Amino acid sequence: MILTLEETKKYLRVDFDDDNELIESFIMTGEKLVADVLRVEPETFEQSVTEQTRLAALYAVAYLYEHREEADHHALVMSLRCLLFGERQVGF
């Protein structure tokens, strides 16, 4: 994992532990989305992490956390594509 629970909670401004499991699942989902958008194999994802990649993953987690009831996954992926356009691989 490229994000820790503590730094993600700080980014989300969450100071309680009730949502820890939910946030951890969003971290895994957000990182998977970022890896997919970057077109990077899961085994090599952690080696290709930049600050922009980390921020995109935090953005994905925040979006999923804030919109957990009505998340528009297509809009999220399109936003991630815009954020990561310069780092995106041509293909797998």
PDB file of N, CA and C in Angstrom:
ATOM      1  N   MET A   1       0.840  -1.187   0.000  1.00  0.00           N
ATOM      2  CA  MET A   1       0.000   0.000   0.000  1.00  0.00           C
ATOM      3  C   MET A   1       0.883   1.248   0.000  1.00  0.00           C
ATOM      4  N   ILE A   2       0.475   2.220  -0.782  1.00  0.00           N
ATOM      5  CA  ILE A   2       1.251   3.467  -0.840  1.00  0.00           C
ATOM      6  C   ILE A   2       0.739   4.499   0.152  1.00  0.00           C
ATOM      7  N   LEU A   3      -0.474   4.305   0.644  1.00  0.00           N
ATOM      8  CA  LEU A   3      -1.060   5.224   1.621  1.00  0.00           C
ATOM      9  C   LEU A   3      -1.225   4.500   2.952  1.00  0.00           C
ATOM     10  N   THR A   4      -0.985   5.215   4.028  1.00  0.00           N
ATOM     11  CA  THR A   4      -1.243   4.649   5.348  1.00  0.00           C
ATOM     12  C   THR A   4      -2.607   5.135   5.838  1.00  0.00           C
ATOM     13  N   LEU A   5      -3.157   4.406   6.762  1.00  0.00           N
ATOM     14  CA  LEU A   5      -4.437   4.796   7.342  1.00  0.00           C
ATOM     15  C   LEU A   5      -4.314   6.151   8.030  1.00  0.00           C
ATOM     16  N   GLU A   6      -3.221   6.372   8.751  1.00  0.00           N
ATOM     17  CA  GLU A   6      -3.052   7.608   9.505  1.00  0.00           C
ATOM     18  C   GLU A   6      -2.986   8.834   8.587  1.00  0.00           C
ATOM     19  N   GLU A   7      -2.171   8.751   7.521  1.00  0.00           N
ATOM     20  CA  GLU A   7      -2.062   9.914   6.634  1.00  0.00           C
ATOM     21  C   GLU A   7      -3.364  10.148   5.868  1.00  0.00           C
ATOM     22  N   THR A   8      -4.065   9.079   5.551  1.00  0.00           N
ATOM     23  CA  THR A   8      -5.340   9.222   4.841  1.00  0.00           C
ATOM     24  C   THR A   8      -6.385   9.861   5.746  1.00  0.00           C
ATOM     25  N   LYS A   9      -6.436   9.436   7.003  1.00  0.00           N
ATOM     26  CA  LYS A   9      -7.379  10.042   7.943  1.00  0.00           C
ATOM     27  C   LYS A   9      -7.056  11.520   8.153  1.00  0.00           C
ATOM     28  N   LYS A  10      -5.777  11.856   8.183  1.00  0.00           N
ATOM     29  CA  LYS A  10      -5.384  13.259   8.317  1.00  0.00           C
ATOM     30  C   LYS A  10      -5.854  14.051   7.101  1.00  0.00           C
ATOM     31  N   TYR A  11      -5.677  13.487   5.889  1.00  0.00           N
ATOM     32  CA  TYR A  11      -6.119  14.140   4.658  1.00  0.00           C
ATOM     33  C   TYR A  11      -7.638  14.324   4.659  1.00  0.00           C
ATOM     34  N   LEU A  12      -8.356  13.320   5.165  1.00  0.00           N
ATOM     35  CA  LEU A  12      -9.822  13.378   5.219  1.00  0.00           C
ATOM     36  C   LEU A  12     -10.335  14.214   6.385  1.00  0.00           C
ATOM     37  N   ARG A  13      -9.437  14.578   7.292  1.00  0.00           N
ATOM     38  CA  ARG A  13      -9.802  15.283   8.526  1.00  0.00           C
ATOM     39  C   ARG A  13     -10.763  14.459   9.390  1.00  0.00           C
ATOM     40  N   VAL A  14     -10.430  13.189   9.504  1.00  0.00           N
ATOM     41  CA  VAL A  14     -11.194  12.260  10.339  1.00  0.00           C
ATOM     42  C   VAL A  14     -10.354  11.990  11.583  1.00  0.00           C
ATOM     43  N   ASP A  15     -10.912  12.278  12.751  1.00  0.00           N
ATOM     44  CA  ASP A  15     -10.161  12.084  13.989  1.00  0.00           C
ATOM     45  C   ASP A  15     -10.809  11.064  14.920  1.00  0.00           C
ATOM     46  N   PHE A  16     -11.558  10.132  14.349  1.00  0.00           N
ATOM     47  CA  PHE A  16     -12.167   9.058  15.131  1.00  0.00           C
ATOM     48  C   PHE A  16     -11.877   7.740  14.425  1.00  0.00           C
ATOM     49  N   ASP A  17     -12.049   6.638  15.161  1.00  0.00           N
ATOM     50  CA  ASP A  17     -11.668   5.324  14.639  1.00  0.00           C
ATOM     51  C   ASP A  17     -12.837   4.501  14.099  1.00  0.00           C
ATOM     52  N   ASP A  18     -14.043   5.015  14.179  1.00  0.00           N
ATOM     53  CA  ASP A  18     -15.216   4.241  13.766  1.00  0.00           C
ATOM     54  C   ASP A  18     -15.188   3.828  12.293  1.00  0.00           C
ATOM     55  N   ASP A  19     -14.596   4.646  11.437  1.00  0.00           N
ATOM     56  CA  ASP A  19     -14.586   4.381   9.996  1.00  0.00           C
ATOM     57  C   ASP A  19     -13.273   3.788   9.499  1.00  0.00           C
ATOM     58  N   ASN A  20     -12.424   3.296  10.393  1.00  0.00           N
ATOM     59  CA  ASN A  20     -11.123   2.785   9.975  1.00  0.00           C
ATOM     60  C   ASN A  20     -11.221   1.692   8.916  1.00  0.00           C
ATOM     61  N   GLU A  21     -12.087   0.713   9.125  1.00  0.00           N
ATOM     62  CA  GLU A  21     -12.224  -0.377   8.146  1.00  0.00           C
ATOM     63  C   GLU A  21     -12.728   0.149   6.811  1.00  0.00           C
ATOM     64  N   LEU A  22     -13.671   1.051   6.855  1.00  0.00           N
ATOM     65  CA  LEU A  22     -14.205   1.649   5.627  1.00  0.00           C
ATOM     66  C   LEU A  22     -13.112   2.405   4.882  1.00  0.00           C
ATOM     67  N   ILE A  23     -12.344   3.196   5.599  1.00  0.00           N
ATOM     68  CA  ILE A  23     -11.272   3.971   4.982  1.00  0.00           C
ATOM     69  C   ILE A  23     -10.204   3.040   4.412  1.00  0.00           C
ATOM     70  N   GLU A  24      -9.866   1.984   5.125  1.00  0.00           N
ATOM     71  CA  GLU A  24      -8.882   1.029   4.609  1.00  0.00           C
ATOM     72  C   GLU A  24      -9.366   0.375   3.318  1.00  0.00           C
ATOM     73  N   SER A  25     -10.649   0.067   3.243  1.00  0.00           N
ATOM     74  CA  SER A  25     -11.164  -0.514   2.002  1.00  0.00           C
ATOM     75  C   SER A  25     -11.146   0.510   0.872  1.00  0.00           C
ATOM     76  N   PHE A  26     -11.411   1.777   1.188  1.00  0.00           N
ATOM     77  CA  PHE A  26     -11.329   2.826   0.174  1.00  0.00           C
ATOM     78  C   PHE A  26      -9.882   3.059  -0.270  1.00  0.00           C
ATOM     79  N   ILE A  27      -8.925   2.886   0.640  1.00  0.00           N
ATOM     80  CA  ILE A  27      -7.511   3.002   0.270  1.00  0.00           C
ATOM     81  C   ILE A  27      -7.168   1.932  -0.763  1.00  0.00           C
ATOM     82  N   MET A  28      -7.563   0.707  -0.509  1.00  0.00           N
ATOM     83  CA  MET A  28      -7.283  -0.377  -1.456  1.00  0.00           C
ATOM     84  C   MET A  28      -7.955  -0.116  -2.803  1.00  0.00           C
ATOM     85  N   THR A  29      -9.207   0.328  -2.766  1.00  0.00           N
ATOM     86  CA  THR A  29      -9.932   0.627  -4.001  1.00  0.00           C
ATOM     87  C   THR A  29      -9.301   1.801  -4.743  1.00  0.00           C
ATOM     88  N   GLY A  30      -8.970   2.859  -4.022  1.00  0.00           N
ATOM     89  CA  GLY A  30      -8.361   4.030  -4.639  1.00  0.00           C
ATOM     90  C   GLY A  30      -7.021   3.716  -5.281  1.00  0.00           C
ATOM     91  N   GLU A  31      -6.204   2.930  -4.599  1.00  0.00           N
ATOM     92  CA  GLU A  31      -4.912   2.556  -5.166  1.00  0.00           C
ATOM     93  C   GLU A  31      -5.086   1.676  -6.399  1.00  0.00           C
ATOM     94  N   LYS A  32      -6.049   0.789  -6.375  1.00  0.00           N
ATOM     95  CA  LYS A  32      -6.326  -0.068  -7.541  1.00  0.00           C
ATOM     96  C   LYS A  32      -6.792   0.780  -8.717  1.00  0.00           C
ATOM     97  N   LEU A  33      -7.664   1.740  -8.466  1.00  0.00           N
ATOM     98  CA  LEU A  33      -8.120   2.640  -9.531  1.00  0.00           C
ATOM     99  C   LEU A  33      -6.957   3.415 -10.139  1.00  0.00           C
ATOM    100  N   VAL A  34      -6.084   3.938  -9.289  1.00  0.00           N
ATOM    101  CA  VAL A  34      -4.937   4.702  -9.773  1.00  0.00           C
ATOM    102  C   VAL A  34      -4.013   3.800 -10.606  1.00  0.00           C
ATOM    103  N   ALA A  35      -3.757   2.584 -10.135  1.00  0.00           N
ATOM    104  CA  ALA A  35      -2.916   1.651 -10.893  1.00  0.00           C
ATOM    105  C   ALA A  35      -3.547   1.332 -12.246  1.00  0.00           C
ATOM    106  N   ASP A  36      -4.857   1.152 -12.267  1.00  0.00           N
ATOM    107  CA  ASP A  36      -5.555   0.876 -13.524  1.00  0.00           C
ATOM    108  C   ASP A  36      -5.478   2.061 -14.479  1.00  0.00           C
ATOM    109  N   VAL A  37      -5.680   3.258 -13.956  1.00  0.00           N
ATOM    110  CA  VAL A  37      -5.612   4.454 -14.801  1.00  0.00           C
ATOM    111  C   VAL A  37      -4.195   4.637 -15.346  1.00  0.00           C
ATOM    112  N   LEU A  38      -3.189   4.356 -14.524  1.00  0.00           N
ATOM    113  CA  LEU A  38      -1.803   4.474 -14.961  1.00  0.00           C
ATOM    114  C   LEU A  38      -1.394   3.363 -15.922  1.00  0.00           C
ATOM    115  N   ARG A  39      -2.221   2.309 -15.954  1.00  0.00           N
ATOM    116  CA  ARG A  39      -1.915   1.112 -16.756  1.00  0.00           C
ATOM    117  C   ARG A  39      -0.617   0.469 -16.286  1.00  0.00           C
ATOM    118  N   VAL A  40      -0.521   0.308 -14.978  1.00  0.00           N
ATOM    119  CA  VAL A  40       0.650  -0.293 -14.349  1.00  0.00           C
ATOM    120  C   VAL A  40       0.231  -1.621 -13.737  1.00  0.00           C
ATOM    121  N   GLU A  41       1.072  -2.618 -13.896  1.00  0.00           N
ATOM    122  CA  GLU A  41       0.809  -3.916 -13.289  1.00  0.00           C
ATOM    123  C   GLU A  41       0.824  -3.781 -11.761  1.00  0.00           C
ATOM    124  N   PRO A  42      -0.064  -4.492 -11.078  1.00  0.00           N
ATOM    125  CA  PRO A  42      -0.118  -4.377  -9.609  1.00  0.00           C
ATOM    126  C   PRO A  42       1.217  -4.676  -8.926  1.00  0.00           C
ATOM    127  N   GLU A  43       2.008  -5.596  -9.499  1.00  0.00           N
ATOM    128  CA  GLU A  43       3.283  -5.969  -8.879  1.00  0.00           C
ATOM    129  C   GLU A  43       4.301  -4.827  -8.931  1.00  0.00           C
ATOM    130  N   THR A  44       4.199  -3.959  -9.924  1.00  0.00           N
ATOM    131  CA  THR A  44       5.168  -2.873 -10.084  1.00  0.00           C
ATOM    132  C   THR A  44       4.615  -1.511  -9.677  1.00  0.00           C
ATOM    133  N   PHE A  45       3.386  -1.480  -9.199  1.00  0.00           N
ATOM    134  CA  PHE A  45       2.743  -0.207  -8.864  1.00  0.00           C
ATOM    135  C   PHE A  45       3.523   0.578  -7.821  1.00  0.00           C
ATOM    136  N   GLU A  46       3.919  -0.083  -6.744  1.00  0.00           N
ATOM    137  CA  GLU A  46       4.585   0.632  -5.650  1.00  0.00           C
ATOM    138  C   GLU A  46       5.935   1.212  -6.067  1.00  0.00           C
ATOM    139  N   GLN A  47       6.604   0.606  -7.031  1.00  0.00           N
ATOM    140  CA  GLN A  47       7.892   1.119  -7.492  1.00  0.00           C
ATOM    141  C   GLN A  47       7.728   2.354  -8.376  1.00  0.00           C
ATOM    142  N   SER A  48       6.533   2.548  -8.949  1.00  0.00           N
ATOM    143  CA  SER A  48       6.327   3.660  -9.881  1.00  0.00           C
ATOM    144  C   SER A  48       5.584   4.840  -9.253  1.00  0.00           C
ATOM    145  N   VAL A  49       5.522   4.864  -7.940  1.00  0.00           N
ATOM    146  CA  VAL A  49       4.756   5.894  -7.238  1.00  0.00           C
ATOM    147  C   VAL A  49       5.514   7.218  -7.218  1.00  0.00           C
ATOM    148  N   THR A  50       4.796   8.281  -7.573  1.00  0.00           N
ATOM    149  CA  THR A  50       5.314   9.650  -7.475  1.00  0.00           C
ATOM    150  C   THR A  50       4.409  10.415  -6.514  1.00  0.00           C
ATOM    151  N   GLU A  51       4.769  11.645  -6.244  1.00  0.00           N
ATOM    152  CA  GLU A  51       3.916  12.474  -5.375  1.00  0.00           C
ATOM    153  C   GLU A  51       2.557  12.702  -6.024  1.00  0.00           C
ATOM    154  N   GLN A  52       2.543  12.866  -7.321  1.00  0.00           N
ATOM    155  CA  GLN A  52       1.270  13.056  -8.034  1.00  0.00           C
ATOM    156  C   GLN A  52       0.399  11.798  -7.942  1.00  0.00           C
ATOM    157  N   THR A  53       1.032  10.646  -8.005  1.00  0.00           N
ATOM    158  CA  THR A  53       0.302   9.381  -7.865  1.00  0.00           C
ATOM    159  C   THR A  53      -0.319   9.280  -6.479  1.00  0.00           C
ATOM    160  N   ARG A  54       0.447   9.640  -5.465  1.00  0.00           N
ATOM    161  CA  ARG A  54      -0.048   9.596  -4.080  1.00  0.00           C
ATOM    162  C   ARG A  54      -1.231  10.548  -3.901  1.00  0.00           C
ATOM    163  N   LEU A  55      -1.111  11.755  -4.464  1.00  0.00           N
ATOM    164  CA  LEU A  55      -2.207  12.723  -4.356  1.00  0.00           C
ATOM    165  C   LEU A  55      -3.449  12.238  -5.090  1.00  0.00           C
ATOM    166  N   ALA A  56      -3.263  11.603  -6.227  1.00  0.00           N
ATOM    167  CA  ALA A  56      -4.405  11.052  -6.965  1.00  0.00           C
ATOM    168  C   ALA A  56      -5.081   9.952  -6.153  1.00  0.00           C
ATOM    169  N   ALA A  57      -4.287   9.121  -5.489  1.00  0.00           N
ATOM    170  CA  ALA A  57      -4.861   8.065  -4.646  1.00  0.00           C
ATOM    171  C   ALA A  57      -5.621   8.667  -3.468  1.00  0.00           C
ATOM    172  N   LEU A  58      -5.064   9.713  -2.851  1.00  0.00           N
ATOM    173  CA  LEU A  58      -5.764  10.395  -1.758  1.00  0.00           C
ATOM    174  C   LEU A  58      -7.060  11.024  -2.257  1.00  0.00           C
ATOM    175  N   TYR A  59      -7.023  11.613  -3.440  1.00  0.00           N
ATOM    176  CA  TYR A  59      -8.222  12.197  -4.029  1.00  0.00           C
ATOM    177  C   TYR A  59      -9.291  11.120  -4.229  1.00  0.00           C
ATOM    178  N   ALA A  60      -8.883   9.961  -4.750  1.00  0.00           N
ATOM    179  CA  ALA A  60      -9.831   8.873  -4.978  1.00  0.00           C
ATOM    180  C   ALA A  60     -10.462   8.411  -3.670  1.00  0.00           C
ATOM    181  N   VAL A  61      -9.646   8.259  -2.647  1.00  0.00           N
ATOM    182  CA  VAL A  61     -10.171   7.838  -1.341  1.00  0.00           C
ATOM    183  C   VAL A  61     -11.133   8.881  -0.794  1.00  0.00           C
ATOM    184  N   ALA A  62     -10.765  10.138  -0.888  1.00  0.00           N
ATOM    185  CA  ALA A  62     -11.633  11.210  -0.389  1.00  0.00           C
ATOM    186  C   ALA A  62     -12.955  11.237  -1.143  1.00  0.00           C
ATOM    187  N   TYR A  63     -12.898  11.066  -2.461  1.00  0.00           N
ATOM    188  CA  TYR A  63     -14.126  11.052  -3.255  1.00  0.00           C
ATOM    189  C   TYR A  63     -15.020   9.893  -2.826  1.00  0.00           C
ATOM    190  N   LEU A  64     -14.440   8.710  -2.698  1.00  0.00           N
ATOM    191  CA  LEU A  64     -15.231   7.540  -2.296  1.00  0.00           C
ATOM    192  C   LEU A  64     -15.793   7.703  -0.885  1.00  0.00           C
ATOM    193  N   TYR A  65     -15.016   8.297   0.010  1.00  0.00           N
ATOM    194  CA  TYR A  65     -15.462   8.496   1.387  1.00  0.00           C
ATOM    195  C   TYR A  65     -16.595   9.518   1.462  1.00  0.00           C
ATOM    196  N   GLU A  66     -16.434  10.620   0.764  1.00  0.00           N
ATOM    197  CA  GLU A  66     -17.435  11.685   0.816  1.00  0.00           C
ATOM    198  C   GLU A  66     -18.708  11.346   0.046  1.00  0.00           C
ATOM    199  N   HIS A  67     -18.590  10.530  -0.986  1.00  0.00           N
ATOM    200  CA  HIS A  67     -19.741  10.199  -1.837  1.00  0.00           C
ATOM    201  C   HIS A  67     -20.095   8.714  -1.746  1.00  0.00           C
ATOM    202  N   ARG A  68     -19.917   8.135  -0.586  1.00  0.00           N
ATOM    203  CA  ARG A  68     -20.103   6.679  -0.461  1.00  0.00           C
ATOM    204  C   ARG A  68     -21.508   6.220  -0.816  1.00  0.00           C
ATOM    205  N   GLU A  69     -22.480   7.085  -0.704  1.00  0.00           N
ATOM    206  CA  GLU A  69     -23.866   6.712  -1.020  1.00  0.00           C
ATOM    207  C   GLU A  69     -24.192   6.865  -2.504  1.00  0.00           C
ATOM    208  N   GLU A  70     -23.573   7.852  -3.165  1.00  0.00           N
ATOM    209  CA  GLU A  70     -23.955   8.150  -4.547  1.00  0.00           C
ATOM    210  C   GLU A  70     -22.740   8.423  -5.431  1.00  0.00           C
ATOM    211  N   ALA A  71     -21.681   7.670  -5.257  1.00  0.00           N
ATOM    212  CA  ALA A  71     -20.445   7.906  -6.018  1.00  0.00           C
ATOM    213  C   ALA A  71     -20.664   7.643  -7.508  1.00  0.00           C
ATOM    214  N   ASP A  72     -20.166   8.546  -8.320  1.00  0.00           N
ATOM    215  CA  ASP A  72     -20.188   8.399  -9.776  1.00  0.00           C
ATOM    216  C   ASP A  72     -18.797   7.909 -10.183  1.00  0.00           C
ATOM    217  N   HIS A  73     -18.669   6.604 -10.334  1.00  0.00           N
ATOM    218  CA  HIS A  73     -17.354   6.007 -10.575  1.00  0.00           C
ATOM    219  C   HIS A  73     -16.771   6.426 -11.920  1.00  0.00           C
ATOM    220  N   HIS A  74     -17.613   6.641 -12.898  1.00  0.00           N
ATOM    221  CA  HIS A  74     -17.123   7.106 -14.195  1.00  0.00           C
ATOM    222  C   HIS A  74     -16.497   8.494 -14.052  1.00  0.00           C
ATOM    223  N   ALA A  75     -17.153   9.378 -13.347  1.00  0.00           N
ATOM    224  CA  ALA A  75     -16.610  10.728 -13.128  1.00  0.00           C
ATOM    225  C   ALA A  75     -15.300  10.657 -12.348  1.00  0.00           C
ATOM    226  N   LEU A  76     -15.218   9.772 -11.371  1.00  0.00           N
ATOM    227  CA  LEU A  76     -13.990   9.613 -10.597  1.00  0.00           C
ATOM    228  C   LEU A  76     -12.847   9.148 -11.496  1.00  0.00           C
ATOM    229  N   VAL A  77     -13.097   8.155 -12.322  1.00  0.00           N
ATOM    230  CA  VAL A  77     -12.054   7.644 -13.218  1.00  0.00           C
ATOM    231  C   VAL A  77     -11.623   8.718 -14.211  1.00  0.00           C
ATOM    232  N   MET A  78     -12.568   9.480 -14.720  1.00  0.00           N
ATOM    233  CA  MET A  78     -12.212  10.553 -15.656  1.00  0.00           C
ATOM    234  C   MET A  78     -11.369  11.622 -14.964  1.00  0.00           C
ATOM    235  N   SER A  79     -11.680  11.942 -13.721  1.00  0.00           N
ATOM    236  CA  SER A  79     -10.870  12.901 -12.962  1.00  0.00           C
ATOM    237  C   SER A  79      -9.460  12.356 -12.738  1.00  0.00           C
ATOM    238  N   LEU A  80      -9.364  11.078 -12.396  1.00  0.00           N
ATOM    239  CA  LEU A  80      -8.052  10.461 -12.190  1.00  0.00           C
ATOM    240  C   LEU A  80      -7.249  10.454 -13.490  1.00  0.00           C
ATOM    241  N   ARG A  81      -7.909  10.208 -14.602  1.00  0.00           N
ATOM    242  CA  ARG A  81      -7.213  10.237 -15.889  1.00  0.00           C
ATOM    243  C   ARG A  81      -6.630  11.627 -16.158  1.00  0.00           C
ATOM    244  N   CYS A  82      -7.382  12.657 -15.825  1.00  0.00           N
ATOM    245  CA  CYS A  82      -6.882  14.024 -16.000  1.00  0.00           C
ATOM    246  C   CYS A  82      -5.710  14.297 -15.072  1.00  0.00           C
ATOM    247  N   LEU A  83      -5.809  13.883 -13.833  1.00  0.00           N
ATOM    248  CA  LEU A  83      -4.735  14.104 -12.871  1.00  0.00           C
ATOM    249  C   LEU A  83      -3.458  13.366 -13.244  1.00  0.00           C
ATOM    250  N   LEU A  84      -3.608  12.191 -13.851  1.00  0.00           N
ATOM    251  CA  LEU A  84      -2.466  11.322 -14.105  1.00  0.00           C
ATOM    252  C   LEU A  84      -2.072  11.243 -15.576  1.00  0.00           C
ATOM    253  N   PHE A  85      -2.601  12.131 -16.389  1.00  0.00           N
ATOM    254  CA  PHE A  85      -2.376  12.069 -17.831  1.00  0.00           C
ATOM    255  C   PHE A  85      -0.894  11.981 -18.191  1.00  0.00           C
ATOM    256  N   GLY A  86      -0.070  12.777 -17.577  1.00  0.00           N
ATOM    257  CA  GLY A  86       1.358  12.798 -17.894  1.00  0.00           C
ATOM    258  C   GLY A  86       2.112  11.561 -17.467  1.00  0.00           C
ATOM    259  N   GLU A  87       1.577  10.805 -16.534  1.00  0.00           N
ATOM    260  CA  GLU A  87       2.255   9.618 -16.023  1.00  0.00           C
ATOM    261  C   GLU A  87       1.684   8.321 -16.578  1.00  0.00           C
ATOM    262  N   ARG A  88       0.605   8.422 -17.308  1.00  0.00           N
ATOM    263  CA  ARG A  88      -0.113   7.243 -17.795  1.00  0.00           C
ATOM    264  C   ARG A  88       0.703   6.526 -18.870  1.00  0.00           C
ATOM    265  N   GLN A  89       0.813   5.209 -18.749  1.00  0.00           N
ATOM    266  CA  GLN A  89       1.528   4.398 -19.720  1.00  0.00           C
ATOM    267  C   GLN A  89       0.701   4.262 -20.990  1.00  0.00           C
ATOM    268  N   VAL A  90       1.376   4.032 -22.107  1.00  0.00           N
ATOM    269  CA  VAL A  90       0.695   3.866 -23.395  1.00  0.00           C
ATOM    270  C   VAL A  90      -0.205   2.636 -23.361  1.00  0.00           C
ATOM    271  N   GLY A  91       0.245   1.576 -22.734  1.00  0.00           N
ATOM    272  CA  GLY A  91      -0.541   0.342 -22.620  1.00  0.00           C
ATOM    273  C   GLY A  91       0.085  -0.560 -21.592  1.00  0.00           C
ATOM    274  N   PHE A  92      -0.597  -1.653 -21.309  1.00  0.00           N
ATOM    275  CA  PHE A  92      -0.079  -2.614 -20.329  1.00  0.00           C
ATOM    276  C   PHE A  92       1.089  -3.368 -20.908  1.00  0.00           C
TER     277      PHE A  92
END
